[in-house]
Structures are given as structure tokens and as C-alpha cells.
Amino acid sequence: MDSSIYVIIFLLLALIFSVITNYYNSKKLNSLEEALYESYRNNSEVKSFVEKVLEGESEEVEEIKRVRTKYGLSIGNAKKIIDLYRRSE
């Protein structure tokens, strides 16, 4: 066997390992993101911050940006929290 075959096999194994690792890490990241959302969902500090943000006359995009920046949430989870407190008003 030529040495190029060994290189190709090694690169294929590295690619397969990389895909598996990325899949595992994305699943782990999604579960951590959901845990972060759950911990902030009923937090009084977050509630008061969101209510203060909603009092202003800013657009929904700006509200999402502010909540997302302050608490590190994803766009979807920040929107869920804003909608949750907007409905409760």
C-alpha cells in the first residue's frame, strides 16, 4: 500500500471523529442553553429588567438585544422571556 492511502485513511478517520465531536458538543450546548433559559425564566432580577425594557418605547428587536446581551440567552429564548412578561402585563 502506498503511503498516500494511509494519509487518506487517517484524514477520513479525523473527519469522522470531528463530525461526531461536533454533534455531541451541539447537543450539550443545546441542553446548557435550555438550562440557562429555565434558570432565568422565573428570576425576579430578569423580570424587573424586562419590565423596565418593556416600559421604554423601543422596538422588539432592541428589547431582545438588550435581554440577550445582559443575560447571555439565545435570540429565541430572549424572545420567549420578553413575550412571557409582555403577556403578564
N, C-alpha and C. Protein backbone atom coordinates (compact mmCIF):
# COMPACT_ATOMS: atom_id res chain seq x y z
N MET A 1 0.83 -1.19 0.00
CA MET A 1 0.00 0.00 0.00
C MET A 1 0.87 1.24 0.00
N ASP A 2 0.41 2.17 -0.73
CA ASP A 2 1.13 3.43 -0.85
C ASP A 2 0.90 4.28 0.41
N SER A 3 1.83 5.15 0.70
CA SER A 3 1.70 5.99 1.90
C SER A 3 0.55 6.98 1.77
N SER A 4 0.15 7.30 0.55
CA SER A 4 -0.97 8.23 0.38
C SER A 4 -2.28 7.59 0.85
N ILE A 5 -2.39 6.28 0.77
CA ILE A 5 -3.57 5.58 1.27
C ILE A 5 -3.66 5.75 2.78
N TYR A 6 -2.53 5.65 3.47
CA TYR A 6 -2.52 5.84 4.93
C TYR A 6 -2.94 7.26 5.29
N VAL A 7 -2.50 8.21 4.53
CA VAL A 7 -2.87 9.60 4.79
C VAL A 7 -4.37 9.79 4.57
N ILE A 8 -4.90 9.21 3.51
CA ILE A 8 -6.32 9.32 3.22
C ILE A 8 -7.15 8.67 4.33
N ILE A 9 -6.75 7.49 4.77
CA ILE A 9 -7.46 6.81 5.85
C ILE A 9 -7.40 7.62 7.13
N PHE A 10 -6.24 8.16 7.44
CA PHE A 10 -6.09 8.98 8.64
C PHE A 10 -6.99 10.22 8.56
N LEU A 11 -7.02 10.88 7.40
CA LEU A 11 -7.86 12.07 7.25
C LEU A 11 -9.34 11.73 7.33
N LEU A 12 -9.74 10.60 6.79
CA LEU A 12 -11.14 10.17 6.90
C LEU A 12 -11.53 9.89 8.35
N LEU A 13 -10.63 9.24 9.07
CA LEU A 13 -10.90 8.99 10.49
C LEU A 13 -10.98 10.29 11.28
N ALA A 14 -10.10 11.22 10.97
CA ALA A 14 -10.13 12.53 11.64
C ALA A 14 -11.43 13.27 11.32
N LEU A 15 -11.89 13.18 10.08
CA LEU A 15 -13.14 13.82 9.69
C LEU A 15 -14.32 13.20 10.43
N ILE A 16 -14.36 11.88 10.50
CA ILE A 16 -15.45 11.20 11.20
C ILE A 16 -15.44 11.56 12.68
N PHE A 17 -14.27 11.58 13.29
CA PHE A 17 -14.16 11.95 14.69
C PHE A 17 -14.61 13.39 14.91
N SER A 18 -14.26 14.27 13.99
CA SER A 18 -14.65 15.68 14.10
C SER A 18 -16.16 15.85 14.00
N VAL A 19 -16.79 15.13 13.09
CA VAL A 19 -18.25 15.22 12.94
C VAL A 19 -18.94 14.72 14.20
N ILE A 20 -18.48 13.61 14.73
CA ILE A 20 -19.08 13.05 15.95
C ILE A 20 -18.90 14.01 17.12
N THR A 21 -17.73 14.59 17.25
CA THR A 21 -17.47 15.54 18.33
C THR A 21 -18.35 16.78 18.20
N ASN A 22 -18.48 17.30 16.99
CA ASN A 22 -19.32 18.49 16.79
C ASN A 22 -20.77 18.19 17.11
N TYR A 23 -21.25 17.02 16.74
CA TYR A 23 -22.63 16.64 17.04
C TYR A 23 -22.84 16.55 18.55
N TYR A 24 -21.91 15.91 19.24
CA TYR A 24 -22.01 15.78 20.69
C TYR A 24 -21.97 17.16 21.36
N ASN A 25 -21.07 18.02 20.91
CA ASN A 25 -20.96 19.35 21.52
C ASN A 25 -22.19 20.21 21.25
N SER A 26 -22.80 20.06 20.08
CA SER A 26 -24.00 20.85 19.80
C SER A 26 -25.16 20.38 20.68
N LYS A 27 -25.27 19.09 20.91
CA LYS A 27 -26.31 18.58 21.82
C LYS A 27 -26.08 19.10 23.23
N LYS A 28 -24.84 19.08 23.66
CA LYS A 28 -24.50 19.55 25.00
C LYS A 28 -24.79 21.05 25.13
N LEU A 29 -24.46 21.81 24.09
CA LEU A 29 -24.70 23.25 24.10
C LEU A 29 -26.20 23.55 24.15
N ASN A 30 -26.98 22.79 23.40
CA ASN A 30 -28.43 23.00 23.43
C ASN A 30 -29.01 22.72 24.81
N SER A 31 -28.53 21.68 25.47
CA SER A 31 -29.04 21.38 26.81
C SER A 31 -28.60 22.44 27.82
N LEU A 32 -27.39 22.95 27.68
CA LEU A 32 -26.95 24.03 28.57
C LEU A 32 -27.73 25.31 28.33
N GLU A 33 -28.04 25.58 27.08
CA GLU A 33 -28.82 26.76 26.74
C GLU A 33 -30.23 26.67 27.32
N GLU A 34 -30.84 25.50 27.26
CA GLU A 34 -32.15 25.31 27.84
C GLU A 34 -32.11 25.45 29.36
N ALA A 35 -31.05 24.95 29.99
CA ALA A 35 -30.90 25.09 31.44
C ALA A 35 -30.75 26.56 31.83
N LEU A 36 -30.01 27.32 31.02
CA LEU A 36 -29.85 28.75 31.28
C LEU A 36 -31.19 29.46 31.16
N TYR A 37 -31.95 29.12 30.14
CA TYR A 37 -33.29 29.71 29.96
C TYR A 37 -34.19 29.39 31.15
N GLU A 38 -34.19 28.14 31.57
CA GLU A 38 -35.04 27.74 32.70
C GLU A 38 -34.64 28.46 33.98
N SER A 39 -33.35 28.69 34.16
CA SER A 39 -32.91 29.37 35.39
C SER A 39 -33.28 30.84 35.38
N TYR A 40 -33.34 31.45 34.20
CA TYR A 40 -33.68 32.87 34.11
C TYR A 40 -35.17 33.12 33.92
N ARG A 41 -35.93 32.11 33.60
CA ARG A 41 -37.33 32.30 33.25
C ARG A 41 -38.13 32.91 34.39
N ASN A 42 -37.96 32.46 35.59
CA ASN A 42 -38.73 32.96 36.73
C ASN A 42 -37.88 33.77 37.69
N ASN A 43 -36.80 34.31 37.22
CA ASN A 43 -35.89 35.08 38.05
C ASN A 43 -36.44 36.50 38.23
N SER A 44 -36.46 36.99 39.46
CA SER A 44 -37.02 38.32 39.74
C SER A 44 -36.17 39.43 39.13
N GLU A 45 -34.85 39.25 39.11
CA GLU A 45 -33.97 40.26 38.51
C GLU A 45 -34.26 40.39 37.02
N VAL A 46 -34.42 39.26 36.36
CA VAL A 46 -34.72 39.28 34.93
C VAL A 46 -36.10 39.90 34.70
N LYS A 47 -37.04 39.55 35.55
CA LYS A 47 -38.39 40.10 35.40
C LYS A 47 -38.37 41.62 35.51
N SER A 48 -37.67 42.15 36.51
CA SER A 48 -37.64 43.61 36.66
C SER A 48 -36.89 44.27 35.50
N PHE A 49 -35.83 43.62 35.01
CA PHE A 49 -35.10 44.19 33.88
C PHE A 49 -35.97 44.21 32.63
N VAL A 50 -36.66 43.11 32.37
CA VAL A 50 -37.52 43.03 31.17
C VAL A 50 -38.67 44.02 31.28
N GLU A 51 -39.25 44.15 32.45
CA GLU A 51 -40.33 45.12 32.61
C GLU A 51 -39.83 46.54 32.38
N LYS A 52 -38.61 46.83 32.82
CA LYS A 52 -38.02 48.15 32.58
C LYS A 52 -37.79 48.35 31.08
N VAL A 53 -37.33 47.30 30.41
CA VAL A 53 -37.10 47.38 28.96
C VAL A 53 -38.42 47.58 28.23
N LEU A 54 -39.47 46.90 28.68
CA LEU A 54 -40.77 47.00 28.01
C LEU A 54 -41.44 48.35 28.24
N GLU A 55 -41.07 49.04 29.33
CA GLU A 55 -41.64 50.36 29.58
C GLU A 55 -41.20 51.36 28.54
N GLY A 56 -39.98 51.21 28.05
CA GLY A 56 -39.47 52.12 27.03
C GLY A 56 -40.20 51.93 25.72
N GLU A 57 -40.01 52.86 24.83
CA GLU A 57 -40.69 52.82 23.53
C GLU A 57 -39.76 52.23 22.46
N SER A 58 -38.98 51.25 22.83
CA SER A 58 -38.06 50.66 21.86
C SER A 58 -38.75 49.56 21.06
N GLU A 59 -38.12 49.20 19.96
CA GLU A 59 -38.64 48.14 19.12
C GLU A 59 -38.37 46.79 19.77
N GLU A 60 -39.08 45.78 19.30
CA GLU A 60 -38.91 44.44 19.84
C GLU A 60 -37.48 43.93 19.63
N VAL A 61 -36.89 44.29 18.51
CA VAL A 61 -35.52 43.84 18.22
C VAL A 61 -34.55 44.39 19.25
N GLU A 62 -34.73 45.65 19.60
CA GLU A 62 -33.85 46.26 20.60
C GLU A 62 -34.06 45.63 21.98
N GLU A 63 -35.31 45.31 22.29
CA GLU A 63 -35.60 44.66 23.57
C GLU A 63 -34.91 43.30 23.64
N ILE A 64 -35.00 42.54 22.56
CA ILE A 64 -34.35 41.23 22.52
C ILE A 64 -32.85 41.37 22.65
N LYS A 65 -32.28 42.35 21.95
CA LYS A 65 -30.82 42.57 22.02
C LYS A 65 -30.39 42.87 23.45
N ARG A 66 -31.14 43.72 24.14
CA ARG A 66 -30.74 44.10 25.50
C ARG A 66 -30.81 42.93 26.46
N VAL A 67 -31.88 42.14 26.38
CA VAL A 67 -32.02 40.98 27.26
C VAL A 67 -30.97 39.94 26.92
N ARG A 68 -30.76 39.73 25.64
CA ARG A 68 -29.77 38.74 25.19
C ARG A 68 -28.36 39.13 25.63
N THR A 69 -28.03 40.40 25.50
CA THR A 69 -26.69 40.87 25.88
C THR A 69 -26.48 40.77 27.38
N LYS A 70 -27.46 41.18 28.15
CA LYS A 70 -27.30 41.19 29.60
C LYS A 70 -27.22 39.79 30.19
N TYR A 71 -28.03 38.84 29.68
CA TYR A 71 -28.12 37.53 30.31
C TYR A 71 -27.53 36.40 29.49
N GLY A 72 -27.04 36.66 28.30
CA GLY A 72 -26.38 35.63 27.51
C GLY A 72 -27.31 34.58 26.94
N LEU A 73 -28.55 34.93 26.70
CA LEU A 73 -29.52 33.98 26.17
C LEU A 73 -29.47 33.97 24.65
N SER A 74 -30.01 32.92 24.07
CA SER A 74 -30.13 32.89 22.62
C SER A 74 -31.25 33.83 22.20
N ILE A 75 -31.32 34.11 20.93
CA ILE A 75 -32.35 35.02 20.43
C ILE A 75 -33.74 34.46 20.73
N GLY A 76 -33.92 33.18 20.47
CA GLY A 76 -35.23 32.56 20.70
C GLY A 76 -35.64 32.59 22.16
N ASN A 77 -34.70 32.29 23.05
CA ASN A 77 -35.03 32.29 24.47
C ASN A 77 -35.25 33.70 25.01
N ALA A 78 -34.50 34.67 24.51
CA ALA A 78 -34.73 36.06 24.92
C ALA A 78 -36.11 36.51 24.47
N LYS A 79 -36.51 36.13 23.26
CA LYS A 79 -37.84 36.48 22.77
C LYS A 79 -38.93 35.80 23.60
N LYS A 80 -38.70 34.53 24.01
CA LYS A 80 -39.68 33.83 24.84
C LYS A 80 -39.87 34.56 26.17
N ILE A 81 -38.77 34.99 26.78
CA ILE A 81 -38.86 35.68 28.08
C ILE A 81 -39.58 37.01 27.92
N ILE A 82 -39.26 37.76 26.88
CA ILE A 82 -39.94 39.05 26.66
C ILE A 82 -41.42 38.83 26.43
N ASP A 83 -41.76 37.84 25.62
CA ASP A 83 -43.18 37.55 25.37
C ASP A 83 -43.89 37.09 26.65
N LEU A 84 -43.19 36.34 27.48
CA LEU A 84 -43.77 35.86 28.74
C LEU A 84 -44.15 37.04 29.63
N TYR A 85 -43.26 38.00 29.77
CA TYR A 85 -43.54 39.14 30.64
C TYR A 85 -44.44 40.18 29.96
N ARG A 86 -44.46 40.21 28.65
CA ARG A 86 -45.36 41.11 27.94
C ARG A 86 -46.80 40.64 28.12
N ARG A 87 -47.00 39.33 28.08
CA ARG A 87 -48.35 38.77 28.27
C ARG A 87 -48.84 38.97 29.69
N SER A 88 -47.92 38.95 30.65
CA SER A 88 -48.32 39.04 32.05
C SER A 88 -48.69 40.46 32.47
N GLU A 89 -48.42 41.42 31.62
CA GLU A 89 -48.77 42.82 31.97
C GLU A 89 -50.23 43.08 31.84
